[in-house]
PDB file of N, CA and C in Angstrom:
ATOM      1  N   UNK A   1     119.009  10.283  58.845  1.00  0.00           N
ATOM      2  CA  UNK A   1     120.146  10.137  57.964  1.00  0.00           C
ATOM      3  C   UNK A   1     120.305   8.660  57.607  1.00  0.00           C
ATOM      4  N   UNK A   2     120.442   8.380  56.328  1.00  0.00           N
ATOM      5  CA  UNK A   2     120.586   7.009  55.849  1.00  0.00           C
ATOM      6  C   UNK A   2     122.056   6.612  55.826  1.00  0.00           C
ATOM      7  N   UNK A   3     122.302   5.348  56.124  1.00  0.00           N
ATOM      8  CA  UNK A   3     123.649   4.815  55.989  1.00  0.00           C
ATOM      9  C   UNK A   3     123.910   4.504  54.528  1.00  0.00           C
ATOM     10  N   UNK A   4     125.118   4.780  54.063  1.00  0.00           N
ATOM     11  CA  UNK A   4     125.495   4.488  52.695  1.00  0.00           C
ATOM     12  C   UNK A   4     126.709   3.572  52.732  1.00  0.00           C
ATOM     13  N   UNK A   5     126.588   2.414  52.108  1.00  0.00           N
ATOM     14  CA  UNK A   5     127.684   1.460  52.004  1.00  0.00           C
ATOM     15  C   UNK A   5     128.082   1.398  50.536  1.00  0.00           C
ATOM     16  N   UNK A   6     129.374   1.511  50.267  1.00  0.00           N
ATOM     17  CA  UNK A   6     129.849   1.553  48.882  1.00  0.00           C
ATOM     18  C   UNK A   6     130.785   0.383  48.623  1.00  0.00           C
ATOM     19  N   UNK A   7     130.480  -0.386  47.584  1.00  0.00           N
ATOM     20  CA  UNK A   7     131.342  -1.462  47.112  1.00  0.00           C
ATOM     21  C   UNK A   7     131.880  -1.058  45.747  1.00  0.00           C
ATOM     22  N   UNK A   8     133.188  -1.161  45.562  1.00  0.00           N
ATOM     23  CA  UNK A   8     133.809  -0.777  44.301  1.00  0.00           C
ATOM     24  C   UNK A   8     134.210  -2.008  43.504  1.00  0.00           C
ATOM     25  N   UNK A   9     133.935  -1.982  42.205  1.00  0.00           N
ATOM     26  CA  UNK A   9     134.452  -3.032  41.328  1.00  0.00           C
ATOM     27  C   UNK A   9     135.954  -2.808  41.172  1.00  0.00           C
ATOM     28  N   UNK A  10     136.647  -3.782  40.622  1.00  0.00           N
ATOM     29  CA  UNK A  10     138.093  -3.643  40.427  1.00  0.00           C
ATOM     30  C   UNK A  10     138.436  -2.471  39.516  1.00  0.00           C
ATOM     31  N   UNK A  11     137.678  -2.304  38.438  1.00  0.00           N
ATOM     32  CA  UNK A  11     137.969  -1.207  37.511  1.00  0.00           C
ATOM     33  C   UNK A  11     137.683   0.148  38.150  1.00  0.00           C
ATOM     34  N   UNK A  12     136.611   0.243  38.940  1.00  0.00           N
ATOM     35  CA  UNK A  12     136.296   1.500  39.622  1.00  0.00           C
ATOM     36  C   UNK A  12     137.354   1.814  40.674  1.00  0.00           C
ATOM     37  N   UNK A  13     137.800   0.799  41.401  1.00  0.00           N
ATOM     38  CA  UNK A  13     138.830   0.994  42.412  1.00  0.00           C
ATOM     39  C   UNK A  13     140.126   1.501  41.769  1.00  0.00           C
ATOM     40  N   UNK A  14     140.504   0.922  40.654  1.00  0.00           N
ATOM     41  CA  UNK A  14     141.704   1.345  39.926  1.00  0.00           C
ATOM     42  C   UNK A  14     141.571   2.802  39.460  1.00  0.00           C
ATOM     43  N   UNK A  15     140.398   3.150  38.935  1.00  0.00           N
ATOM     44  CA  UNK A  15     140.160   4.517  38.481  1.00  0.00           C
ATOM     45  C   UNK A  15     140.243   5.503  39.643  1.00  0.00           C
ATOM     46  N   UNK A  16     139.573   5.192  40.746  1.00  0.00           N
ATOM     47  CA  UNK A  16     139.525   6.115  41.878  1.00  0.00           C
ATOM     48  C   UNK A  16     140.885   6.269  42.559  1.00  0.00           C
ATOM     49  N   UNK A  17     141.741   5.264  42.480  1.00  0.00           N
ATOM     50  CA  UNK A  17     143.093   5.414  43.036  1.00  0.00           C
ATOM     51  C   UNK A  17     143.873   6.479  42.278  1.00  0.00           C
ATOM     52  N   UNK A  18     143.625   6.582  40.974  1.00  0.00           N
ATOM     53  CA  UNK A  18     144.298   7.590  40.151  1.00  0.00           C
ATOM     54  C   UNK A  18     143.619   8.953  40.259  1.00  0.00           C
ATOM     55  N   UNK A  19     142.341   8.965  40.574  1.00  0.00           N
ATOM     56  CA  UNK A  19     141.547  10.200  40.590  1.00  0.00           C
ATOM     57  C   UNK A  19     140.878  10.362  41.952  1.00  0.00           C
ATOM     58  N   UNK A  20     141.668  10.632  42.961  1.00  0.00           N
ATOM     59  CA  UNK A  20     141.159  10.744  44.329  1.00  0.00           C
ATOM     60  C   UNK A  20     140.159  11.891  44.457  1.00  0.00           C
ATOM     61  N   UNK A  21     140.391  12.982  43.739  1.00  0.00           N
ATOM     62  CA  UNK A  21     139.471  14.117  43.798  1.00  0.00           C
ATOM     63  C   UNK A  21     138.082  13.749  43.267  1.00  0.00           C
ATOM     64  N   UNK A  22     138.020  12.917  42.238  1.00  0.00           N
ATOM     65  CA  UNK A  22     136.732  12.475  41.693  1.00  0.00           C
ATOM     66  C   UNK A  22     136.038  11.553  42.696  1.00  0.00           C
ATOM     67  N   UNK A  23     136.800  10.701  43.372  1.00  0.00           N
ATOM     68  CA  UNK A  23     136.229   9.822  44.399  1.00  0.00           C
ATOM     69  C   UNK A  23     135.623  10.649  45.531  1.00  0.00           C
ATOM     70  N   UNK A  24     136.375  11.649  46.007  1.00  0.00           N
ATOM     71  CA  UNK A  24     135.868  12.509  47.087  1.00  0.00           C
ATOM     72  C   UNK A  24     134.583  13.219  46.666  1.00  0.00           C
ATOM     73  N   UNK A  25     134.560  13.713  45.441  1.00  0.00           N
ATOM     74  CA  UNK A  25     133.369  14.393  44.928  1.00  0.00           C
ATOM     75  C   UNK A  25     132.198  13.414  44.804  1.00  0.00           C
ATOM     76  N   UNK A  26     132.475  12.183  44.353  1.00  0.00           N
ATOM     77  CA  UNK A  26     131.445  11.155  44.236  1.00  0.00           C
ATOM     78  C   UNK A  26     130.817  10.858  45.596  1.00  0.00           C
ATOM     79  N   UNK A  27     131.649  10.683  46.616  1.00  0.00           N
ATOM     80  CA  UNK A  27     131.154  10.395  47.966  1.00  0.00           C
ATOM     81  C   UNK A  27     130.319  11.560  48.489  1.00  0.00           C
ATOM     82  N   UNK A  28     130.820  12.774  48.326  1.00  0.00           N
ATOM     83  CA  UNK A  28     130.075  13.953  48.784  1.00  0.00           C
ATOM     84  C   UNK A  28     128.749  14.097  48.047  1.00  0.00           C
ATOM     85  N   UNK A  29     128.746  13.818  46.744  1.00  0.00           N
ATOM     86  CA  UNK A  29     127.505  13.889  45.967  1.00  0.00           C
ATOM     87  C   UNK A  29     126.492  12.856  46.446  1.00  0.00           C
ATOM     88  N   UNK A  30     126.959  11.627  46.713  1.00  0.00           N
ATOM     89  CA  UNK A  30     126.041  10.594  47.206  1.00  0.00           C
ATOM     90  C   UNK A  30     125.418  10.997  48.532  1.00  0.00           C
ATOM     91  N   UNK A  31     126.242  11.491  49.438  1.00  0.00           N
ATOM     92  CA  UNK A  31     125.713  11.927  50.740  1.00  0.00           C
ATOM     93  C   UNK A  31     124.704  13.051  50.553  1.00  0.00           C
ATOM     94  N   UNK A  32     125.027  13.974  49.681  1.00  0.00           N
ATOM     95  CA  UNK A  32     124.164  15.119  49.445  1.00  0.00           C
ATOM     96  C   UNK A  32     122.822  14.695  48.846  1.00  0.00           C
ATOM     97  N   UNK A  33     122.852  13.771  47.909  1.00  0.00           N
ATOM     98  CA  UNK A  33     121.618  13.335  47.248  1.00  0.00           C
ATOM     99  C   UNK A  33     120.765  12.480  48.164  1.00  0.00           C
ATOM    100  N   UNK A  34     121.350  11.469  48.795  1.00  0.00           N
ATOM    101  CA  UNK A  34     120.550  10.490  49.522  1.00  0.00           C
ATOM    102  C   UNK A  34     120.270  10.871  50.971  1.00  0.00           C
ATOM    103  N   UNK A  35     121.019  11.804  51.528  1.00  0.00           N
ATOM    104  CA  UNK A  35     120.727  12.246  52.893  1.00  0.00           C
ATOM    105  C   UNK A  35     120.051  13.611  52.938  1.00  0.00           C
ATOM    106  N   UNK A  36     120.380  14.489  52.004  1.00  0.00           N
ATOM    107  CA  UNK A  36     119.841  15.845  52.028  1.00  0.00           C
ATOM    108  C   UNK A  36     118.876  16.123  50.890  1.00  0.00           C
ATOM    109  N   UNK A  37     118.642  15.139  50.043  1.00  0.00           N
ATOM    110  CA  UNK A  37     117.744  15.292  48.894  1.00  0.00           C
ATOM    111  C   UNK A  37     118.129  16.454  47.989  1.00  0.00           C
ATOM    112  N   UNK A  38     119.420  16.633  47.769  1.00  0.00           N
ATOM    113  CA  UNK A  38     119.916  17.664  46.863  1.00  0.00           C
ATOM    114  C   UNK A  38     119.631  17.236  45.424  1.00  0.00           C
ATOM    115  N   UNK A  39     118.994  18.098  44.659  1.00  0.00           N
ATOM    116  CA  UNK A  39     118.643  17.759  43.280  1.00  0.00           C
ATOM    117  C   UNK A  39     119.542  18.454  42.258  1.00  0.00           C
ATOM    118  N   UNK A  40     120.583  19.131  42.698  1.00  0.00           N
ATOM    119  CA  UNK A  40     121.457  19.852  41.785  1.00  0.00           C
ATOM    120  C   UNK A  40     122.624  19.013  41.279  1.00  0.00           C
ATOM    121  N   UNK A  41     122.593  17.727  41.497  1.00  0.00           N
ATOM    122  CA  UNK A  41     123.676  16.848  41.075  1.00  0.00           C
ATOM    123  C   UNK A  41     123.219  16.099  39.836  1.00  0.00           C
ATOM    124  N   UNK A  42     124.112  15.994  38.847  1.00  0.00           N
ATOM    125  CA  UNK A  42     123.769  15.397  37.559  1.00  0.00           C
ATOM    126  C   UNK A  42     123.799  13.869  37.655  1.00  0.00           C
ATOM    127  N   UNK A  43     122.650  13.302  37.989  1.00  0.00           N
ATOM    128  CA  UNK A  43     122.479  11.854  38.063  1.00  0.00           C
ATOM    129  C   UNK A  43     121.305  11.485  37.170  1.00  0.00           C
ATOM    130  N   UNK A  44     121.512  10.471  36.339  1.00  0.00           N
ATOM    131  CA  UNK A  44     120.440  10.010  35.468  1.00  0.00           C
ATOM    132  C   UNK A  44     120.353   8.494  35.539  1.00  0.00           C
ATOM    133  N   UNK A  45     119.145   7.984  35.430  1.00  0.00           N
ATOM    134  CA  UNK A  45     118.930   6.548  35.367  1.00  0.00           C
ATOM    135  C   UNK A  45     119.375   6.053  33.995  1.00  0.00           C
ATOM    136  N   UNK A  46     120.028   4.902  33.970  1.00  0.00           N
ATOM    137  CA  UNK A  46     120.458   4.308  32.703  1.00  0.00           C
ATOM    138  C   UNK A  46     119.255   3.622  32.069  1.00  0.00           C
ATOM    139  N   UNK A  47     119.015   3.906  30.821  1.00  0.00           N
ATOM    140  CA  UNK A  47     117.879   3.312  30.119  1.00  0.00           C
ATOM    141  C   UNK A  47     118.081   1.806  29.966  1.00  0.00           C
ATOM    142  N   UNK A  48     117.004   1.073  30.067  1.00  0.00           N
ATOM    143  CA  UNK A  48     116.967  -0.378  29.900  1.00  0.00           C
ATOM    144  C   UNK A  48     117.665  -1.148  31.015  1.00  0.00           C
ATOM    145  N   UNK A  49     117.994  -0.493  32.127  1.00  0.00           N
ATOM    146  CA  UNK A  49     118.606  -1.158  33.278  1.00  0.00           C
ATOM    147  C   UNK A  49     117.830  -0.773  34.531  1.00  0.00           C
ATOM    148  N   UNK A  50     117.666  -1.708  35.449  1.00  0.00           N
ATOM    149  CA  UNK A  50     116.972  -1.434  36.698  1.00  0.00           C
ATOM    150  C   UNK A  50     117.967  -1.005  37.764  1.00  0.00           C
ATOM    151  N   UNK A  51     117.680   0.096  38.440  1.00  0.00           N
ATOM    152  CA  UNK A  51     118.470   0.597  39.566  1.00  0.00           C
ATOM    153  C   UNK A  51     119.916   0.908  39.224  1.00  0.00           C
ATOM    154  N   UNK A  52     120.230   1.182  37.976  1.00  0.00           N
ATOM    155  CA  UNK A  52     121.585   1.569  37.579  1.00  0.00           C
ATOM    156  C   UNK A  52     121.541   3.027  37.145  1.00  0.00           C
ATOM    157  N   UNK A  53     122.486   3.789  37.698  1.00  0.00           N
ATOM    158  CA  UNK A  53     122.514   5.229  37.494  1.00  0.00           C
ATOM    159  C   UNK A  53     123.882   5.676  37.024  1.00  0.00           C
ATOM    160  N   UNK A  54     123.899   6.865  36.410  1.00  0.00           N
ATOM    161  CA  UNK A  54     125.117   7.495  35.946  1.00  0.00           C
ATOM    162  C   UNK A  54     125.243   8.844  36.640  1.00  0.00           C
ATOM    163  N   UNK A  55     126.395   9.103  37.243  1.00  0.00           N
ATOM    164  CA  UNK A  55     126.660  10.410  37.834  1.00  0.00           C
ATOM    165  C   UNK A  55     127.774  11.084  37.038  1.00  0.00           C
ATOM    166  N   UNK A  56     127.528  12.327  36.649  1.00  0.00           N
ATOM    167  CA  UNK A  56     128.538  13.091  35.920  1.00  0.00           C
ATOM    168  C   UNK A  56     129.314  13.933  36.916  1.00  0.00           C
ATOM    169  N   UNK A  57     130.653  13.793  36.873  1.00  0.00           N
ATOM    170  CA  UNK A  57     131.548  14.592  37.698  1.00  0.00           C
ATOM    171  C   UNK A  57     132.624  15.127  36.765  1.00  0.00           C
ATOM    172  N   UNK A  58     132.557  16.413  36.458  1.00  0.00           N
ATOM    173  CA  UNK A  58     133.448  17.066  35.502  1.00  0.00           C
ATOM    174  C   UNK A  58     133.373  16.325  34.175  1.00  0.00           C
ATOM    175  N   UNK A  59     134.491  15.848  33.645  1.00  0.00           N
ATOM    176  CA  UNK A  59     134.456  15.147  32.362  1.00  0.00           C
ATOM    177  C   UNK A  59     134.348  13.633  32.532  1.00  0.00           C
ATOM    178  N   UNK A  60     134.124  13.183  33.754  1.00  0.00           N
ATOM    179  CA  UNK A  60     134.065  11.755  34.050  1.00  0.00           C
ATOM    180  C   UNK A  60     132.638  11.311  34.353  1.00  0.00           C
ATOM    181  N   UNK A  61     132.411  10.000  34.222  1.00  0.00           N
ATOM    182  CA  UNK A  61     131.132   9.396  34.541  1.00  0.00           C
ATOM    183  C   UNK A  61     131.372   8.242  35.507  1.00  0.00           C
ATOM    184  N   UNK A  62     130.493   8.112  36.489  1.00  0.00           N
ATOM    185  CA  UNK A  62     130.527   6.988  37.424  1.00  0.00           C
ATOM    186  C   UNK A  62     129.207   6.256  37.278  1.00  0.00           C
ATOM    187  N   UNK A  63     129.275   4.975  36.957  1.00  0.00           N
ATOM    188  CA  UNK A  63     128.068   4.156  36.817  1.00  0.00           C
ATOM    189  C   UNK A  63     127.956   3.292  38.059  1.00  0.00           C
ATOM    190  N   UNK A  64     126.795   3.370  38.698  1.00  0.00           N
ATOM    191  CA  UNK A  64     126.609   2.629  39.938  1.00  0.00           C
ATOM    192  C   UNK A  64     125.211   2.045  40.015  1.00  0.00           C
ATOM    193  N   UNK A  65     125.061   1.083  40.921  1.00  0.00           N
ATOM    194  CA  UNK A  65     123.799   0.381  41.102  1.00  0.00           C
ATOM    195  C   UNK A  65     123.378   0.492  42.556  1.00  0.00           C
ATOM    196  N   UNK A  66     122.108   0.790  42.786  1.00  0.00           N
ATOM    197  CA  UNK A  66     121.555   0.821  44.141  1.00  0.00           C
ATOM    198  C   UNK A  66     120.948  -0.550  44.408  1.00  0.00           C
ATOM    199  N   UNK A  67     121.429  -1.196  45.464  1.00  0.00           N
ATOM    200  CA  UNK A  67     120.995  -2.558  45.761  1.00  0.00           C
ATOM    201  C   UNK A  67     119.899  -2.583  46.813  1.00  0.00           C
ATOM    202  N   UNK A  68     119.964  -1.705  47.800  1.00  0.00           N
ATOM    203  CA  UNK A  68     119.003  -1.727  48.892  1.00  0.00           C
ATOM    204  C   UNK A  68     118.557  -0.298  49.154  1.00  0.00           C
ATOM    205  N   UNK A  69     117.298  -0.099  49.470  1.00  0.00           N
ATOM    206  CA  UNK A  69     116.766   1.254  49.646  1.00  0.00           C
ATOM    207  C   UNK A  69     116.879   1.792  51.070  1.00  0.00           C
ATOM    208  N   UNK A  70     116.750   0.956  52.101  1.00  0.00           N
ATOM    209  CA  UNK A  70     116.756   1.465  53.470  1.00  0.00           C
ATOM    210  C   UNK A  70     118.164   1.841  53.916  1.00  0.00           C
ATOM    211  N   UNK A  71     119.046   0.874  53.942  1.00  0.00           N
ATOM    212  CA  UNK A  71     120.469   1.186  54.072  1.00  0.00           C
ATOM    213  C   UNK A  71     120.954   1.172  52.641  1.00  0.00           C
ATOM    214  N   UNK A  72     121.367   2.296  52.150  1.00  0.00           N
ATOM    215  CA  UNK A  72     121.680   2.400  50.736  1.00  0.00           C
ATOM    216  C   UNK A  72     123.017   1.726  50.473  1.00  0.00           C
ATOM    217  N   UNK A  73     122.967   0.655  49.683  1.00  0.00           N
ATOM    218  CA  UNK A  73     124.184  -0.042  49.289  1.00  0.00           C
ATOM    219  C   UNK A  73     124.440   0.304  47.834  1.00  0.00           C
ATOM    220  N   UNK A  74     125.560   0.928  47.605  1.00  0.00           N
ATOM    221  CA  UNK A  74     125.936   1.365  46.271  1.00  0.00           C
ATOM    222  C   UNK A  74     127.034   0.444  45.765  1.00  0.00           C
ATOM    223  N   UNK A  75     126.838  -0.136  44.601  1.00  0.00           N
ATOM    224  CA  UNK A  75     127.886  -0.918  43.959  1.00  0.00           C
ATOM    225  C   UNK A  75     128.352  -0.132  42.744  1.00  0.00           C
ATOM    226  N   UNK A  76     129.581   0.365  42.803  1.00  0.00           N
ATOM    227  CA  UNK A  76     130.126   1.122  41.684  1.00  0.00           C
ATOM    228  C   UNK A  76     130.595   0.118  40.644  1.00  0.00           C
ATOM    229  N   UNK A  77     129.999   0.179  39.472  1.00  0.00           N
ATOM    230  CA  UNK A  77     130.290  -0.780  38.415  1.00  0.00           C
ATOM    231  C   UNK A  77     131.537  -0.370  37.648  1.00  0.00           C
ATOM    232  N   UNK A  78     131.614   0.883  37.249  1.00  0.00           N
ATOM    233  CA  UNK A  78     132.775   1.365  36.513  1.00  0.00           C
ATOM    234  C   UNK A  78     132.828   2.881  36.588  1.00  0.00           C
ATOM    235  N   UNK A  79     133.982   3.418  36.280  1.00  0.00           N
ATOM    236  CA  UNK A  79     134.176   4.869  36.251  1.00  0.00           C
ATOM    237  C   UNK A  79     135.220   5.183  35.191  1.00  0.00           C
ATOM    238  N   UNK A  80     135.069   6.310  34.530  1.00  0.00           N
ATOM    239  CA  UNK A  80     136.033   6.694  33.499  1.00  0.00           C
ATOM    240  C   UNK A  80     135.576   7.940  32.779  1.00  0.00           C
ATOM    241  N   UNK A  81     136.342   8.316  31.747  1.00  0.00           N
ATOM    242  CA  UNK A  81     135.954   9.526  31.029  1.00  0.00           C
ATOM    243  C   UNK A  81     134.773   9.247  30.109  1.00  0.00           C
ATOM    244  N   UNK A  82     134.140  10.304  29.686  1.00  0.00           N
ATOM    245  CA  UNK A  82     132.868  10.208  28.964  1.00  0.00           C
ATOM    246  C   UNK A  82     132.965   9.383  27.691  1.00  0.00           C
ATOM    247  N   UNK A  83     134.065   9.508  26.956  1.00  0.00           N
ATOM    248  CA  UNK A  83     134.196   8.817  25.679  1.00  0.00           C
ATOM    249  C   UNK A  83     134.305   7.312  25.797  1.00  0.00           C
ATOM    250  N   UNK A  84     134.876   6.823  26.876  1.00  0.00           N
ATOM    251  CA  UNK A  84     135.142   5.393  27.001  1.00  0.00           C
ATOM    252  C   UNK A  84     134.159   4.655  27.899  1.00  0.00           C
ATOM    253  N   UNK A  85     133.536   5.352  28.808  1.00  0.00           N
ATOM    254  CA  UNK A  85     132.743   4.686  29.842  1.00  0.00           C
ATOM    255  C   UNK A  85     131.593   3.876  29.276  1.00  0.00           C
ATOM    256  N   UNK A  86     130.911   4.386  28.278  1.00  0.00           N
ATOM    257  CA  UNK A  86     129.746   3.686  27.759  1.00  0.00           C
ATOM    258  C   UNK A  86     130.151   2.525  26.845  1.00  0.00           C
ATOM    259  N   UNK A  87     131.345   2.591  26.233  1.00  0.00           N
ATOM    260  CA  UNK A  87     131.836   1.470  25.417  1.00  0.00           C
ATOM    261  C   UNK A  87     132.130   0.261  26.298  1.00  0.00           C
ATOM    262  N   UNK A  88     132.675   0.521  27.492  1.00  0.00           N
ATOM    263  CA  UNK A  88     133.073  -0.551  28.389  1.00  0.00           C
ATOM    264  C   UNK A  88     131.912  -1.095  29.206  1.00  0.00           C
ATOM    265  N   UNK A  89     130.822  -0.355  29.287  1.00  0.00           N
ATOM    266  CA  UNK A  89     129.674  -0.771  30.096  1.00  0.00           C
ATOM    267  C   UNK A  89     128.674  -1.528  29.226  1.00  0.00           C
ATOM    268  N   UNK A  90     128.548  -2.780  29.429  1.00  0.00           N
ATOM    269  CA  UNK A  90     127.538  -3.594  28.752  1.00  0.00           C
ATOM    270  C   UNK A  90     127.264  -4.809  29.563  1.00  0.00           C
TER     271      UNK A  90
END
């Protein structure tokens, strides 16, 4: 089992405080993917970026970066609804 360390940006922290259910689902999805190799979770690599991924949770998107492979360090860059998330991410 791999250790997962999560660092939240200010905007992601603000979003997750309002959407605790999405945060819980995000954490469970990360554990499921990186510890159990579950492939049924909607995660895609962001084009033109290294180690940056997008996870879809209901109508929301969480953009995160994997910093280290052995102990998985996840830096959540931003989170929000589908219409706004990609405008704010650059």
